[in-house]
């Protein structure tokens, strides 16, 4: 068995494919397009369609298309890059549920697995 000590993931993750149609991702009042990468019970890996400064601390909120209250995610890490085709700035983010939402018992897999345009795939 090989252990990757550089992997900071704390939970089992599933690859996430599809789109967040109907969801709104926002930092403050600014909305972003978000591409899913992977998901765990308390974390989400995404690509955001903009450059985010490395030293800025912020939270990202998910606003659902129905009456559910928004969920707050803390940005735990990010790496900026350029899209290979369009050369637009984008950022790969590792997001973790806020402590408040963890205390509320939020499980991101349960919350998002019923979304019609998202599919959970094998573990990543």
Protein backbone atom coordinates (compact mmCIF):
# COMPACT_ATOMS: atom_id res chain seq x y z
CA UNK A 1 0.00 0.00 0.00
CA UNK A 2 1.30 3.45 -0.95
CA UNK A 3 0.29 6.47 1.09
CA UNK A 4 0.32 9.91 -0.52
CA UNK A 5 1.18 12.23 2.37
CA UNK A 6 0.66 15.29 0.12
CA UNK A 7 -3.03 14.51 -0.36
CA UNK A 8 -4.88 16.73 2.12
CA UNK A 9 -8.31 15.30 1.41
CA UNK A 10 -10.01 14.16 4.57
CA UNK A 11 -12.91 12.23 3.07
CA UNK A 12 -13.72 9.78 0.31
CA UNK A 13 -14.51 11.67 -2.91
CA UNK A 14 -16.54 10.94 -6.01
CA UNK A 15 -15.84 12.39 -9.41
CA UNK A 16 -18.63 14.79 -10.36
CA UNK A 17 -19.68 15.32 -13.99
CA UNK A 18 -22.33 17.54 -15.51
CA UNK A 19 -23.51 21.06 -14.84
CA UNK A 20 -25.01 23.13 -12.07
CA UNK A 21 -27.93 24.40 -14.17
CA UNK A 22 -30.25 26.51 -12.03
CA UNK A 23 -27.73 26.92 -9.20
CA UNK A 24 -26.12 30.26 -8.46
CA UNK A 25 -22.57 30.39 -7.10
CA UNK A 26 -21.62 33.75 -5.61
CA UNK A 27 -18.83 35.50 -3.77
CA UNK A 28 -20.49 38.52 -2.24
CA UNK A 29 -22.69 39.96 -4.99
CA UNK A 30 -20.59 38.57 -7.86
CA UNK A 31 -21.92 35.39 -9.55
CA UNK A 32 -19.61 32.84 -11.18
CA UNK A 33 -19.94 30.00 -13.64
CA UNK A 34 -18.72 26.82 -11.93
CA UNK A 35 -17.62 23.51 -13.42
CA UNK A 36 -17.80 20.49 -11.07
CA UNK A 37 -14.77 18.24 -10.51
CA UNK A 38 -15.36 16.14 -7.40
CA UNK A 39 -17.44 15.92 -4.24
CA UNK A 40 -17.30 14.54 -0.70
CA UNK A 41 -19.75 14.83 2.20
CA UNK A 42 -18.26 18.17 3.26
CA UNK A 43 -16.23 19.32 0.25
CA UNK A 44 -16.49 20.24 -3.40
CA UNK A 45 -13.81 20.59 -6.07
CA UNK A 46 -14.71 23.08 -8.81
CA UNK A 47 -13.30 25.29 -11.53
CA UNK A 48 -14.48 28.90 -11.33
CA UNK A 49 -14.54 31.00 -14.51
CA UNK A 50 -12.36 33.82 -13.15
CA UNK A 51 -8.98 34.52 -11.55
CA UNK A 52 -9.09 34.71 -7.76
CA UNK A 53 -6.21 36.40 -5.97
CA UNK A 54 -4.20 33.92 -3.89
CA UNK A 55 -4.03 35.92 -0.66
CA UNK A 56 -7.69 36.97 -0.51
CA UNK A 57 -9.94 35.13 1.97
CA UNK A 58 -13.54 34.64 0.96
CA UNK A 59 -16.52 32.32 1.09
CA UNK A 60 -18.54 31.05 -1.83
CA UNK A 61 -22.29 30.53 -1.45
CA UNK A 62 -24.43 28.04 -3.35
CA UNK A 63 -27.94 29.34 -3.98
CA UNK A 64 -30.30 26.52 -4.91
CA UNK A 65 -32.99 26.74 -7.63
CA UNK A 66 -35.67 25.83 -5.06
CA UNK A 67 -36.53 27.08 -1.58
CA UNK A 68 -33.55 25.53 0.26
CA UNK A 69 -31.39 28.03 2.14
CA UNK A 70 -27.95 28.79 0.64
CA UNK A 71 -24.91 26.79 1.72
CA UNK A 72 -21.62 28.51 2.55
CA UNK A 73 -18.30 26.98 1.48
CA UNK A 74 -14.84 28.19 2.52
CA UNK A 75 -12.17 28.23 -0.17
CA UNK A 76 -9.41 26.01 1.26
CA UNK A 77 -7.04 26.13 -1.71
CA UNK A 78 -6.94 27.51 -5.22
CA UNK A 79 -4.71 27.47 -8.26
CA UNK A 80 -5.17 29.86 -11.16
CA UNK A 81 -4.74 28.85 -14.78
CA UNK A 82 -5.87 29.78 -18.26
CA UNK A 83 -8.41 27.78 -20.25
CA UNK A 84 -6.47 25.97 -23.01
CA UNK A 85 -8.96 26.93 -25.72
CA UNK A 86 -10.19 30.40 -24.83
CA UNK A 87 -7.19 31.51 -22.71
CA UNK A 88 -9.66 33.00 -20.23
CA UNK A 89 -8.59 33.08 -16.58
CA UNK A 90 -10.06 30.41 -14.33
CA UNK A 91 -9.34 29.00 -10.90
CA UNK A 92 -9.39 25.45 -9.54
CA UNK A 93 -10.82 25.60 -6.01
CA UNK A 94 -11.11 23.17 -3.14
CA UNK A 95 -14.17 24.15 -1.09
CA UNK A 96 -15.19 22.99 2.37
CA UNK A 97 -18.54 23.42 4.11
CA UNK A 98 -18.63 26.14 6.73
CA UNK A 99 -18.66 25.00 10.35
CA UNK A 100 -22.21 26.37 10.64
CA UNK A 101 -23.44 24.20 7.76
CA UNK A 102 -21.57 21.16 9.14
CA UNK A 103 -23.39 21.67 12.47
CA UNK A 104 -26.67 21.82 10.50
CA UNK A 105 -25.84 18.30 9.27
CA UNK A 106 -25.44 19.27 5.61
CA UNK A 107 -24.10 16.42 3.45
CA UNK A 108 -23.10 17.71 0.00
CA UNK A 109 -23.38 14.28 -1.63
CA UNK A 110 -26.95 13.83 -0.36
CA UNK A 111 -27.77 17.45 -1.17
CA UNK A 112 -26.50 17.43 -4.76
CA UNK A 113 -26.85 13.77 -5.84
CA UNK A 114 -30.48 14.26 -6.87
CA UNK A 115 -29.59 17.12 -9.24
CA UNK A 116 -30.74 16.08 -12.72
CA UNK A 117 -27.68 17.30 -14.66
CA UNK A 118 -25.02 16.03 -12.25
CA UNK A 119 -23.62 12.49 -12.07
CA UNK A 120 -21.50 10.94 -9.34
CA UNK A 121 -18.85 8.65 -10.78
CA UNK A 122 -16.14 6.41 -9.33
CA UNK A 123 -13.93 7.59 -6.50
CA UNK A 124 -11.19 10.07 -7.36
